Protein backbone atom coordinates (compact mmCIF):
# COMPACT_ATOMS: atom_id res chain seq x y z
CA UNK A 1 0.00 0.00 0.00
CA UNK A 2 1.39 3.39 -1.01
CA UNK A 3 0.91 6.23 1.44
CA UNK A 4 0.42 9.65 -0.13
CA UNK A 5 3.02 12.16 1.00
CA UNK A 6 1.72 15.24 2.71
CA UNK A 7 3.67 18.44 2.07
CA UNK A 8 5.54 19.78 5.10
CA UNK A 9 3.52 22.99 5.22
CA UNK A 10 0.26 21.02 5.28
CA UNK A 11 1.37 19.12 8.41
CA UNK A 12 1.99 22.27 10.45
CA UNK A 13 -0.21 25.13 11.52
CA UNK A 14 0.36 28.43 9.72
CA UNK A 15 2.82 30.77 11.40
CA UNK A 16 2.09 34.43 11.94
CA UNK A 17 5.11 36.72 11.89
CA UNK A 18 5.25 40.38 12.90
CA UNK A 19 7.30 42.62 10.62
CA UNK A 20 8.38 46.21 10.96
CA UNK A 21 6.58 48.55 8.55
CA UNK A 22 9.79 48.80 6.49
CA UNK A 23 10.10 45.03 6.12
CA UNK A 24 6.40 44.70 5.32
CA UNK A 25 6.84 47.29 2.55
CA UNK A 26 9.84 45.37 1.23
CA UNK A 27 7.83 42.15 1.09
CA UNK A 28 4.99 43.89 -0.77
CA UNK A 29 7.48 45.49 -3.13
CA UNK A 30 8.99 42.08 -3.93
CA UNK A 31 5.53 40.66 -4.71
CA UNK A 32 4.70 43.68 -6.93
CA UNK A 33 7.75 42.96 -9.09
CA UNK A 34 6.05 39.76 -10.18
CA UNK A 35 8.99 37.57 -9.26
CA UNK A 36 7.08 36.25 -6.24
CA UNK A 37 3.40 35.36 -6.16
CA UNK A 38 2.85 35.88 -2.43
CA UNK A 39 4.32 37.27 0.75
CA UNK A 40 4.87 33.70 1.94
CA UNK A 41 6.99 32.98 -1.10
CA UNK A 42 9.14 36.05 -0.39
CA UNK A 43 9.67 34.98 3.23
CA UNK A 44 10.48 31.37 2.24
CA UNK A 45 13.09 32.61 -0.26
CA UNK A 46 14.58 34.97 2.34
CA UNK A 47 14.86 32.12 4.83
CA UNK A 48 16.45 29.82 2.23
CA UNK A 49 19.02 32.51 1.46
CA UNK A 50 19.68 33.07 5.16
CA UNK A 51 20.29 29.35 5.66
CA UNK A 52 22.62 29.29 2.64
CA UNK A 53 24.56 32.26 4.03
CA UNK A 54 24.83 30.62 7.45
CA UNK A 55 26.20 27.44 5.87
CA UNK A 56 28.72 29.46 3.86
CA UNK A 57 29.77 31.35 7.01
CA UNK A 58 30.28 28.04 8.82
CA UNK A 59 32.32 26.69 5.91
CA UNK A 60 34.50 29.83 5.95
CA UNK A 61 35.05 29.53 9.71
CA UNK A 62 36.04 25.88 9.29
CA UNK A 63 38.48 26.87 6.52
CA UNK A 64 40.04 29.57 8.70
CA UNK A 65 40.38 27.16 11.61
CA UNK A 66 42.09 24.63 9.31
CA UNK A 67 44.50 27.30 8.03
CA UNK A 68 45.31 28.40 11.57
CA UNK A 69 45.95 24.79 12.59
CA UNK A 70 48.22 24.30 9.56
CA UNK A 71 50.11 27.49 10.40
CA UNK A 72 50.60 26.44 14.01
CA UNK A 73 51.81 23.01 12.91
CA UNK A 74 54.24 24.71 10.53
CA UNK A 75 55.57 26.87 13.36
CA UNK A 76 56.00 23.83 15.61
CA UNK A 77 57.97 22.17 12.81
CA UNK A 78 60.34 25.14 12.75
CA UNK A 79 59.11 26.54 9.45
CA UNK A 80 58.24 29.98 10.83
CA UNK A 81 59.61 33.30 9.63
CA UNK A 82 60.99 36.16 11.70
CA UNK A 83 58.16 38.70 12.00
CA UNK A 84 60.45 41.74 11.90
CA UNK A 85 62.08 40.50 8.69
CA UNK A 86 58.69 39.92 7.08
CA UNK A 87 57.49 43.43 7.94
CA UNK A 88 60.78 44.96 6.75
CA UNK A 89 60.37 43.16 3.42
CA UNK A 90 56.74 44.30 3.08
CA UNK A 91 57.63 47.90 3.86
CA UNK A 92 60.44 47.79 1.28
CA UNK A 93 58.00 46.45 -1.33
CA UNK A 94 55.49 49.20 -0.53
CA UNK A 95 58.21 51.87 -0.73
CA UNK A 96 59.34 50.49 -4.11
CA UNK A 97 55.76 50.48 -5.42
CA UNK A 98 55.25 54.06 -4.27
CA UNK A 99 58.50 55.19 -5.95
CA UNK A 100 57.48 53.52 -9.21
CA UNK A 101 54.11 55.23 -9.04
CA UNK A 102 55.68 58.66 -8.41
CA UNK A 103 57.63 58.59 -11.65
PDB file of N, CA and C in Angstrom:
ATOM      1  N   UNK A   1       0.835  -1.177   0.000  1.00  0.00           N
ATOM      2  CA  UNK A   1       0.000   0.000   0.000  1.00  0.00           C
ATOM      3  C   UNK A   1       0.887   1.249   0.000  1.00  0.00           C
ATOM      4  N   UNK A   2       0.625   2.151  -0.893  1.00  0.00           N
ATOM      5  CA  UNK A   2       1.394   3.390  -1.011  1.00  0.00           C
ATOM      6  C   UNK A   2       0.691   4.484  -0.232  1.00  0.00           C
ATOM      7  N   UNK A   3       1.457   5.115   0.673  1.00  0.00           N
ATOM      8  CA  UNK A   3       0.914   6.233   1.443  1.00  0.00           C
ATOM      9  C   UNK A   3       1.175   7.524   0.681  1.00  0.00           C
ATOM     10  N   UNK A   4       0.166   8.363   0.530  1.00  0.00           N
ATOM     11  CA  UNK A   4       0.417   9.655  -0.126  1.00  0.00           C
ATOM     12  C   UNK A   4       1.271  10.525   0.789  1.00  0.00           C
ATOM     13  N   UNK A   5       2.191  11.260   0.196  1.00  0.00           N
ATOM     14  CA  UNK A   5       3.021  12.159   0.998  1.00  0.00           C
ATOM     15  C   UNK A   5       2.285  13.474   1.181  1.00  0.00           C
ATOM     16  N   UNK A   6       2.367  13.967   2.376  1.00  0.00           N
ATOM     17  CA  UNK A   6       1.717  15.240   2.706  1.00  0.00           C
ATOM     18  C   UNK A   6       2.806  16.294   2.771  1.00  0.00           C
ATOM     19  N   UNK A   7       2.643  17.392   2.029  1.00  0.00           N
ATOM     20  CA  UNK A   7       3.667  18.441   2.072  1.00  0.00           C
ATOM     21  C   UNK A   7       3.895  18.925   3.497  1.00  0.00           C
ATOM     22  N   UNK A   8       5.139  19.314   3.764  1.00  0.00           N
ATOM     23  CA  UNK A   8       5.540  19.779   5.098  1.00  0.00           C
ATOM     24  C   UNK A   8       4.609  20.865   5.608  1.00  0.00           C
ATOM     25  N   UNK A   9       4.325  21.853   4.759  1.00  0.00           N
ATOM     26  CA  UNK A   9       3.524  22.985   5.217  1.00  0.00           C
ATOM     27  C   UNK A   9       2.101  22.575   5.554  1.00  0.00           C
ATOM     28  N   UNK A  10       1.615  21.481   4.986  1.00  0.00           N
ATOM     29  CA  UNK A  10       0.263  21.020   5.278  1.00  0.00           C
ATOM     30  C   UNK A  10       0.197  20.294   6.619  1.00  0.00           C
ATOM     31  N   UNK A  11       1.342  19.840   7.134  1.00  0.00           N
ATOM     32  CA  UNK A  11       1.372  19.124   8.410  1.00  0.00           C
ATOM     33  C   UNK A  11       1.510  20.058   9.596  1.00  0.00           C
ATOM     34  N   UNK A  12       1.752  21.320   9.365  1.00  0.00           N
ATOM     35  CA  UNK A  12       1.992  22.268  10.453  1.00  0.00           C
ATOM     36  C   UNK A  12       1.015  23.433  10.345  1.00  0.00           C
ATOM     37  N   UNK A  13       0.682  23.966  11.489  1.00  0.00           N
ATOM     38  CA  UNK A  13      -0.206  25.125  11.516  1.00  0.00           C
ATOM     39  C   UNK A  13       0.490  26.326  10.911  1.00  0.00           C
ATOM     40  N   UNK A  14      -0.255  27.220  10.279  1.00  0.00           N
ATOM     41  CA  UNK A  14       0.364  28.432   9.722  1.00  0.00           C
ATOM     42  C   UNK A  14       1.039  29.236  10.831  1.00  0.00           C
ATOM     43  N   UNK A  15       2.065  29.967  10.448  1.00  0.00           N
ATOM     44  CA  UNK A  15       2.822  30.767  11.402  1.00  0.00           C
ATOM     45  C   UNK A  15       2.567  32.239  11.091  1.00  0.00           C
ATOM     46  N   UNK A  16       2.253  32.988  12.099  1.00  0.00           N
ATOM     47  CA  UNK A  16       2.094  34.428  11.941  1.00  0.00           C
ATOM     48  C   UNK A  16       3.374  35.100  12.391  1.00  0.00           C
ATOM     49  N   UNK A  17       3.855  36.040  11.599  1.00  0.00           N
ATOM     50  CA  UNK A  17       5.109  36.719  11.892  1.00  0.00           C
ATOM     51  C   UNK A  17       4.857  38.216  11.858  1.00  0.00           C
ATOM     52  N   UNK A  18       5.375  38.920  12.864  1.00  0.00           N
ATOM     53  CA  UNK A  18       5.255  40.377  12.900  1.00  0.00           C
ATOM     54  C   UNK A  18       6.465  40.983  12.211  1.00  0.00           C
ATOM     55  N   UNK A  19       6.226  41.934  11.324  1.00  0.00           N
ATOM     56  CA  UNK A  19       7.300  42.622  10.615  1.00  0.00           C
ATOM     57  C   UNK A  19       7.226  44.109  10.916  1.00  0.00           C
ATOM     58  N   UNK A  20       8.377  44.753  10.854  1.00  0.00           N
ATOM     59  CA  UNK A  20       8.381  46.211  10.956  1.00  0.00           C
ATOM     60  C   UNK A  20       7.698  46.757   9.696  1.00  0.00           C
ATOM     61  N   UNK A  21       7.207  47.975   9.751  1.00  0.00           N
ATOM     62  CA  UNK A  21       6.581  48.550   8.547  1.00  0.00           C
ATOM     63  C   UNK A  21       7.529  48.548   7.342  1.00  0.00           C
ATOM     64  N   UNK A  22       8.820  48.779   7.594  1.00  0.00           N
ATOM     65  CA  UNK A  22       9.789  48.798   6.491  1.00  0.00           C
ATOM     66  C   UNK A  22       9.919  47.419   5.847  1.00  0.00           C
ATOM     67  N   UNK A  23       9.982  46.381   6.672  1.00  0.00           N
ATOM     68  CA  UNK A  23      10.097  45.026   6.121  1.00  0.00           C
ATOM     69  C   UNK A  23       8.806  44.609   5.422  1.00  0.00           C
ATOM     70  N   UNK A  24       7.691  45.005   5.968  1.00  0.00           N
ATOM     71  CA  UNK A  24       6.405  44.697   5.323  1.00  0.00           C
ATOM     72  C   UNK A  24       6.340  45.353   3.943  1.00  0.00           C
ATOM     73  N   UNK A  25       6.800  46.602   3.857  1.00  0.00           N
ATOM     74  CA  UNK A  25       6.841  47.287   2.553  1.00  0.00           C
ATOM     75  C   UNK A  25       7.754  46.555   1.577  1.00  0.00           C
ATOM     76  N   UNK A  26       8.896  46.100   2.073  1.00  0.00           N
ATOM     77  CA  UNK A  26       9.837  45.373   1.232  1.00  0.00           C
ATOM     78  C   UNK A  26       9.210  44.095   0.689  1.00  0.00           C
ATOM     79  N   UNK A  27       8.497  43.377   1.536  1.00  0.00           N
ATOM     80  CA  UNK A  27       7.832  42.153   1.091  1.00  0.00           C
ATOM     81  C   UNK A  27       6.807  42.481   0.005  1.00  0.00           C
ATOM     82  N   UNK A  28       5.992  43.489   0.240  1.00  0.00           N
ATOM     83  CA  UNK A  28       4.992  43.886  -0.769  1.00  0.00           C
ATOM     84  C   UNK A  28       5.659  44.327  -2.069  1.00  0.00           C
ATOM     85  N   UNK A  29       6.743  45.042  -1.949  1.00  0.00           N
ATOM     86  CA  UNK A  29       7.478  45.495  -3.131  1.00  0.00           C
ATOM     87  C   UNK A  29       7.978  44.292  -3.934  1.00  0.00           C
ATOM     88  N   UNK A  30       8.498  43.276  -3.250  1.00  0.00           N
ATOM     89  CA  UNK A  30       8.989  42.077  -3.934  1.00  0.00           C
ATOM     90  C   UNK A  30       7.858  41.363  -4.675  1.00  0.00           C
ATOM     91  N   UNK A  31       6.686  41.301  -4.058  1.00  0.00           N
ATOM     92  CA  UNK A  31       5.534  40.663  -4.706  1.00  0.00           C
ATOM     93  C   UNK A  31       5.111  41.483  -5.925  1.00  0.00           C
ATOM     94  N   UNK A  32       5.111  42.815  -5.809  1.00  0.00           N
ATOM     95  CA  UNK A  32       4.702  43.677  -6.927  1.00  0.00           C
ATOM     96  C   UNK A  32       5.610  43.535  -8.148  1.00  0.00           C
ATOM     97  N   UNK A  33       6.859  43.127  -7.936  1.00  0.00           N
ATOM     98  CA  UNK A  33       7.750  42.957  -9.089  1.00  0.00           C
ATOM     99  C   UNK A  33       7.294  41.812  -9.977  1.00  0.00           C
ATOM    100  N   UNK A  34       6.506  40.908  -9.415  1.00  0.00           N
ATOM    101  CA  UNK A  34       6.051  39.760 -10.178  1.00  0.00           C
ATOM    102  C   UNK A  34       6.950  38.543 -10.041  1.00  0.00           C
ATOM    103  N   UNK A  35       8.086  38.708  -9.438  1.00  0.00           N
ATOM    104  CA  UNK A  35       8.987  37.570  -9.261  1.00  0.00           C
ATOM    105  C   UNK A  35       8.424  36.581  -8.249  1.00  0.00           C
ATOM    106  N   UNK A  36       7.683  37.083  -7.267  1.00  0.00           N
ATOM    107  CA  UNK A  36       7.076  36.252  -6.240  1.00  0.00           C
ATOM    108  C   UNK A  36       5.568  36.404  -6.325  1.00  0.00           C
ATOM    109  N   UNK A  37       4.864  35.313  -6.039  1.00  0.00           N
ATOM    110  CA  UNK A  37       3.400  35.362  -6.159  1.00  0.00           C
ATOM    111  C   UNK A  37       2.713  35.679  -4.839  1.00  0.00           C
ATOM    112  N   UNK A  38       3.459  35.603  -3.729  1.00  0.00           N
ATOM    113  CA  UNK A  38       2.848  35.880  -2.426  1.00  0.00           C
ATOM    114  C   UNK A  38       3.912  36.312  -1.421  1.00  0.00           C
ATOM    115  N   UNK A  39       3.417  36.884  -0.332  1.00  0.00           N
ATOM    116  CA  UNK A  39       4.321  37.269   0.754  1.00  0.00           C
ATOM    117  C   UNK A  39       5.001  36.032   1.335  1.00  0.00           C
ATOM    118  N   UNK A  40       4.284  34.936   1.419  1.00  0.00           N
ATOM    119  CA  UNK A  40       4.871  33.699   1.941  1.00  0.00           C
ATOM    120  C   UNK A  40       6.037  33.240   1.087  1.00  0.00           C
ATOM    121  N   UNK A  41       5.904  33.387  -0.202  1.00  0.00           N
ATOM    122  CA  UNK A  41       6.988  32.982  -1.098  1.00  0.00           C
ATOM    123  C   UNK A  41       8.227  33.846  -0.882  1.00  0.00           C
ATOM    124  N   UNK A  42       8.028  35.138  -0.668  1.00  0.00           N
ATOM    125  CA  UNK A  42       9.145  36.050  -0.392  1.00  0.00           C
ATOM    126  C   UNK A  42       9.854  35.631   0.892  1.00  0.00           C
ATOM    127  N   UNK A  43       9.091  35.363   1.936  1.00  0.00           N
ATOM    128  CA  UNK A  43       9.669  34.984   3.226  1.00  0.00           C
ATOM    129  C   UNK A  43      10.398  33.654   3.115  1.00  0.00           C
ATOM    130  N   UNK A  44       9.806  32.673   2.402  1.00  0.00           N
ATOM    131  CA  UNK A  44      10.480  31.374   2.237  1.00  0.00           C
ATOM    132  C   UNK A  44      11.815  31.547   1.524  1.00  0.00           C
ATOM    133  N   UNK A  45      11.836  32.371   0.465  1.00  0.00           N
ATOM    134  CA  UNK A  45      13.089  32.612  -0.262  1.00  0.00           C
ATOM    135  C   UNK A  45      14.111  33.294   0.637  1.00  0.00           C
ATOM    136  N   UNK A  46      13.669  34.263   1.424  1.00  0.00           N
ATOM    137  CA  UNK A  46      14.582  34.967   2.336  1.00  0.00           C
ATOM    138  C   UNK A  46      15.174  33.987   3.352  1.00  0.00           C
ATOM    139  N   UNK A  47      14.357  33.096   3.866  1.00  0.00           N
ATOM    140  CA  UNK A  47      14.856  32.121   4.835  1.00  0.00           C
ATOM    141  C   UNK A  47      15.810  31.123   4.191  1.00  0.00           C
ATOM    142  N   UNK A  48      15.527  30.710   2.948  1.00  0.00           N
ATOM    143  CA  UNK A  48      16.453  29.821   2.233  1.00  0.00           C
ATOM    144  C   UNK A  48      17.803  30.496   2.040  1.00  0.00           C
ATOM    145  N   UNK A  49      17.772  31.770   1.652  1.00  0.00           N
ATOM    146  CA  UNK A  49      19.017  32.511   1.455  1.00  0.00           C
ATOM    147  C   UNK A  49      19.764  32.694   2.771  1.00  0.00           C
ATOM    148  N   UNK A  50      19.036  32.925   3.852  1.00  0.00           N
ATOM    149  CA  UNK A  50      19.675  33.066   5.160  1.00  0.00           C
ATOM    150  C   UNK A  50      20.358  31.758   5.553  1.00  0.00           C
ATOM    151  N   UNK A  51      19.701  30.644   5.330  1.00  0.00           N
ATOM    152  CA  UNK A  51      20.293  29.347   5.656  1.00  0.00           C
ATOM    153  C   UNK A  51      21.534  29.096   4.808  1.00  0.00           C
ATOM    154  N   UNK A  52      21.462  29.450   3.529  1.00  0.00           N
ATOM    155  CA  UNK A  52      22.616  29.290   2.641  1.00  0.00           C
ATOM    156  C   UNK A  52      23.793  30.135   3.124  1.00  0.00           C
ATOM    157  N   UNK A  53      23.514  31.376   3.522  1.00  0.00           N
ATOM    158  CA  UNK A  53      24.559  32.263   4.027  1.00  0.00           C
ATOM    159  C   UNK A  53      25.173  31.714   5.314  1.00  0.00           C
ATOM    160  N   UNK A  54      24.319  31.193   6.201  1.00  0.00           N
ATOM    161  CA  UNK A  54      24.830  30.618   7.453  1.00  0.00           C
ATOM    162  C   UNK A  54      25.749  29.434   7.173  1.00  0.00           C
ATOM    163  N   UNK A  55      25.363  28.591   6.221  1.00  0.00           N
ATOM    164  CA  UNK A  55      26.196  27.442   5.866  1.00  0.00           C
ATOM    165  C   UNK A  55      27.524  27.904   5.282  1.00  0.00           C
ATOM    166  N   UNK A  56      27.494  28.927   4.450  1.00  0.00           N
ATOM    167  CA  UNK A  56      28.723  29.464   3.865  1.00  0.00           C
ATOM    168  C   UNK A  56      29.608  30.071   4.948  1.00  0.00           C
ATOM    169  N   UNK A  57      29.005  30.791   5.891  1.00  0.00           N
ATOM    170  CA  UNK A  57      29.774  31.351   7.013  1.00  0.00           C
ATOM    171  C   UNK A  57      30.445  30.239   7.818  1.00  0.00           C
ATOM    172  N   UNK A  58      29.705  29.164   8.079  1.00  0.00           N
ATOM    173  CA  UNK A  58      30.278  28.037   8.822  1.00  0.00           C
ATOM    174  C   UNK A  58      31.423  27.403   8.042  1.00  0.00           C
ATOM    175  N   UNK A  59      31.262  27.256   6.739  1.00  0.00           N
ATOM    176  CA  UNK A  59      32.324  26.694   5.913  1.00  0.00           C
ATOM    177  C   UNK A  59      33.565  27.583   5.975  1.00  0.00           C
ATOM    178  N   UNK A  60      33.369  28.906   5.884  1.00  0.00           N
ATOM    179  CA  UNK A  60      34.503  29.834   5.954  1.00  0.00           C
ATOM    180  C   UNK A  60      35.212  29.732   7.293  1.00  0.00           C
ATOM    181  N   UNK A  61      34.454  29.657   8.378  1.00  0.00           N
ATOM    182  CA  UNK A  61      35.055  29.527   9.707  1.00  0.00           C
ATOM    183  C   UNK A  61      35.856  28.239   9.802  1.00  0.00           C
ATOM    184  N   UNK A  62      35.310  27.152   9.276  1.00  0.00           N
ATOM    185  CA  UNK A  62      36.041  25.876   9.288  1.00  0.00           C
ATOM    186  C   UNK A  62      37.336  25.986   8.492  1.00  0.00           C
ATOM    187  N   UNK A  63      37.284  26.677   7.344  1.00  0.00           N
ATOM    188  CA  UNK A  63      38.477  26.871   6.518  1.00  0.00           C
ATOM    189  C   UNK A  63      39.532  27.682   7.267  1.00  0.00           C
ATOM    190  N   UNK A  64      39.107  28.740   7.934  1.00  0.00           N
ATOM    191  CA  UNK A  64      40.043  29.574   8.696  1.00  0.00           C
ATOM    192  C   UNK A  64      40.672  28.774   9.829  1.00  0.00           C
ATOM    193  N   UNK A  65      39.845  27.992  10.530  1.00  0.00           N
ATOM    194  CA  UNK A  65      40.385  27.159  11.612  1.00  0.00           C
ATOM    195  C   UNK A  65      41.428  26.177  11.076  1.00  0.00           C
ATOM    196  N   UNK A  66      41.153  25.585   9.912  1.00  0.00           N
ATOM    197  CA  UNK A  66      42.094  24.632   9.310  1.00  0.00           C
ATOM    198  C   UNK A  66      43.396  25.338   8.926  1.00  0.00           C
ATOM    199  N   UNK A  67      43.298  26.556   8.397  1.00  0.00           N
ATOM    200  CA  UNK A  67      44.496  27.301   8.026  1.00  0.00           C
ATOM    201  C   UNK A  67      45.305  27.689   9.263  1.00  0.00           C
ATOM    202  N   UNK A  68      44.613  28.069  10.321  1.00  0.00           N
ATOM    203  CA  UNK A  68      45.309  28.401  11.567  1.00  0.00           C
ATOM    204  C   UNK A  68      46.029  27.171  12.106  1.00  0.00           C
ATOM    205  N   UNK A  69      45.335  26.033  12.098  1.00  0.00           N
ATOM    206  CA  UNK A  69      45.954  24.791  12.589  1.00  0.00           C
ATOM    207  C   UNK A  69      47.177  24.433  11.749  1.00  0.00           C
ATOM    208  N   UNK A  70      47.078  24.595  10.432  1.00  0.00           N
ATOM    209  CA  UNK A  70      48.220  24.296   9.560  1.00  0.00           C
ATOM    210  C   UNK A  70      49.372  25.250   9.848  1.00  0.00           C
ATOM    211  N   UNK A  71      49.069  26.507  10.089  1.00  0.00           N
ATOM    212  CA  UNK A  71      50.107  27.485  10.405  1.00  0.00           C
ATOM    213  C   UNK A  71      50.793  27.178  11.715  1.00  0.00           C
ATOM    214  N   UNK A  72      50.007  26.796  12.714  1.00  0.00           N
ATOM    215  CA  UNK A  72      50.597  26.444  14.007  1.00  0.00           C
ATOM    216  C   UNK A  72      51.467  25.196  13.892  1.00  0.00           C
ATOM    217  N   UNK A  73      51.009  24.228  13.114  1.00  0.00           N
ATOM    218  CA  UNK A  73      51.812  23.012  12.910  1.00  0.00           C
ATOM    219  C   UNK A  73      53.117  23.360  12.200  1.00  0.00           C
ATOM    220  N   UNK A  74      53.053  24.279  11.253  1.00  0.00           N
ATOM    221  CA  UNK A  74      54.244  24.710  10.528  1.00  0.00           C
ATOM    222  C   UNK A  74      55.234  25.390  11.485  1.00  0.00           C
ATOM    223  N   UNK A  75      54.705  26.213  12.375  1.00  0.00           N
ATOM    224  CA  UNK A  75      55.571  26.871  13.358  1.00  0.00           C
ATOM    225  C   UNK A  75      56.231  25.849  14.284  1.00  0.00           C
ATOM    226  N   UNK A  76      55.441  24.871  14.725  1.00  0.00           N
ATOM    227  CA  UNK A  76      55.996  23.834  15.606  1.00  0.00           C
ATOM    228  C   UNK A  76      57.087  23.029  14.906  1.00  0.00           C
ATOM    229  N   UNK A  77      56.970  22.923  13.586  1.00  0.00           N
ATOM    230  CA  UNK A  77      57.966  22.169  12.807  1.00  0.00           C
ATOM    231  C   UNK A  77      59.177  23.037  12.471  1.00  0.00           C
ATOM    232  N   UNK A  78      59.193  24.264  12.983  1.00  0.00           N
ATOM    233  CA  UNK A  78      60.339  25.139  12.754  1.00  0.00           C
ATOM    234  C   UNK A  78      60.340  25.835  11.409  1.00  0.00           C
ATOM    235  N   UNK A  79      59.189  25.918  10.777  1.00  0.00           N
ATOM    236  CA  UNK A  79      59.113  26.541   9.450  1.00  0.00           C
ATOM    237  C   UNK A  79      58.604  27.983   9.510  1.00  0.00           C
ATOM    238  N   UNK A  80      58.706  28.609  10.672  1.00  0.00           N
ATOM    239  CA  UNK A  80      58.237  29.977  10.830  1.00  0.00           C
ATOM    240  C   UNK A  80      59.225  30.984  10.271  1.00  0.00           C
ATOM    241  N   UNK A  81      58.756  32.211  10.113  1.00  0.00           N
ATOM    242  CA  UNK A  81      59.613  33.298   9.628  1.00  0.00           C
ATOM    243  C   UNK A  81      59.687  34.366  10.709  1.00  0.00           C
ATOM    244  N   UNK A  82      60.807  35.067  10.752  1.00  0.00           N
ATOM    245  CA  UNK A  82      60.986  36.161  11.696  1.00  0.00           C
ATOM    246  C   UNK A  82      60.029  37.290  11.324  1.00  0.00           C
ATOM    247  N   UNK A  83      59.173  37.676  12.264  1.00  0.00           N
ATOM    248  CA  UNK A  83      58.160  38.699  12.004  1.00  0.00           C
ATOM    249  C   UNK A  83      58.746  40.031  11.580  1.00  0.00           C
ATOM    250  N   UNK A  84      59.814  40.465  12.249  1.00  0.00           N
ATOM    251  CA  UNK A  84      60.451  41.737  11.897  1.00  0.00           C
ATOM    252  C   UNK A  84      60.955  41.715  10.462  1.00  0.00           C
ATOM    253  N   UNK A  85      61.563  40.610  10.051  1.00  0.00           N
ATOM    254  CA  UNK A  85      62.084  40.496   8.688  1.00  0.00           C
ATOM    255  C   UNK A  85      60.955  40.547   7.671  1.00  0.00           C
ATOM    256  N   UNK A  86      59.836  39.907   7.988  1.00  0.00           N
ATOM    257  CA  UNK A  86      58.688  39.915   7.080  1.00  0.00           C
ATOM    258  C   UNK A  86      58.170  41.340   6.917  1.00  0.00           C
ATOM    259  N   UNK A  87      57.993  42.060   8.025  1.00  0.00           N
ATOM    260  CA  UNK A  87      57.491  43.427   7.941  1.00  0.00           C
ATOM    261  C   UNK A  87      58.485  44.354   7.236  1.00  0.00           C
ATOM    262  N   UNK A  88      59.772  44.164   7.463  1.00  0.00           N
ATOM    263  CA  UNK A  88      60.779  44.956   6.753  1.00  0.00           C
ATOM    264  C   UNK A  88      60.677  44.739   5.251  1.00  0.00           C
ATOM    265  N   UNK A  89      60.494  43.473   4.846  1.00  0.00           N
ATOM    266  CA  UNK A  89      60.373  43.156   3.421  1.00  0.00           C
ATOM    267  C   UNK A  89      59.102  43.786   2.829  1.00  0.00           C
ATOM    268  N   UNK A  90      57.992  43.704   3.551  1.00  0.00           N
ATOM    269  CA  UNK A  90      56.736  44.295   3.079  1.00  0.00           C
ATOM    270  C   UNK A  90      56.850  45.808   2.942  1.00  0.00           C
ATOM    271  N   UNK A  91      57.457  46.448   3.924  1.00  0.00           N
ATOM    272  CA  UNK A  91      57.630  47.899   3.863  1.00  0.00           C
ATOM    273  C   UNK A  91      58.523  48.287   2.688  1.00  0.00           C
ATOM    274  N   UNK A  92      59.563  47.520   2.420  1.00  0.00           N
ATOM    275  CA  UNK A  92      60.439  47.794   1.279  1.00  0.00           C
ATOM    276  C   UNK A  92      59.669  47.650  -0.032  1.00  0.00           C
ATOM    277  N   UNK A  93      58.811  46.634  -0.116  1.00  0.00           N
ATOM    278  CA  UNK A  93      58.004  46.449  -1.330  1.00  0.00           C
ATOM    279  C   UNK A  93      57.032  47.604  -1.523  1.00  0.00           C
ATOM    280  N   UNK A  94      56.422  48.064  -0.450  1.00  0.00           N
ATOM    281  CA  UNK A  94      55.489  49.195  -0.527  1.00  0.00           C
ATOM    282  C   UNK A  94      56.231  50.456  -0.961  1.00  0.00           C
ATOM    283  N   UNK A  95      57.406  50.697  -0.355  1.00  0.00           N
ATOM    284  CA  UNK A  95      58.214  51.867  -0.735  1.00  0.00           C
ATOM    285  C   UNK A  95      58.581  51.810  -2.214  1.00  0.00           C
ATOM    286  N   UNK A  96      58.966  50.638  -2.701  1.00  0.00           N
ATOM    287  CA  UNK A  96      59.343  50.488  -4.112  1.00  0.00           C
ATOM    288  C   UNK A  96      58.148  50.746  -5.012  1.00  0.00           C
ATOM    289  N   UNK A  97      56.983  50.245  -4.630  1.00  0.00           N
ATOM    290  CA  UNK A  97      55.765  50.477  -5.419  1.00  0.00           C
ATOM    291  C   UNK A  97      55.419  51.961  -5.463  1.00  0.00           C
ATOM    292  N   UNK A  98      55.565  52.640  -4.321  1.00  0.00           N
ATOM    293  CA  UNK A  98      55.255  54.064  -4.266  1.00  0.00           C
ATOM    294  C   UNK A  98      56.233  54.863  -5.139  1.00  0.00           C
ATOM    295  N   UNK A  99      57.515  54.488  -5.128  1.00  0.00           N
ATOM    296  CA  UNK A  99      58.504  55.190  -5.946  1.00  0.00           C
ATOM    297  C   UNK A  99      58.230  54.988  -7.435  1.00  0.00           C
ATOM    298  N   UNK A 100      57.836  53.783  -7.800  1.00  0.00           N
ATOM    299  CA  UNK A 100      57.482  53.515  -9.207  1.00  0.00           C
ATOM    300  C   UNK A 100      56.274  54.312  -9.625  1.00  0.00           C
ATOM    301  N   UNK A 101      55.323  54.474  -8.724  1.00  0.00           N
ATOM    302  CA  UNK A 101      54.109  55.231  -9.042  1.00  0.00           C
ATOM    303  C   UNK A 101      54.334  56.716  -9.101  1.00  0.00           C
ATOM    304  N   UNK A 102      55.385  57.225  -8.433  1.00  0.00           N
ATOM    305  CA  UNK A 102      55.680  58.660  -8.405  1.00  0.00           C
ATOM    306  C   UNK A 102      56.385  59.122  -9.662  1.00  0.00           C
ATOM    307  N   UNK A 103      56.869  58.215 -10.448  1.00  0.00           N
ATOM    308  CA  UNK A 103      57.632  58.588 -11.650  1.00  0.00           C
ATOM    309  C   UNK A 103      56.747  59.094 -12.732  1.00  0.00           C
TER     310      UNK A 103
END
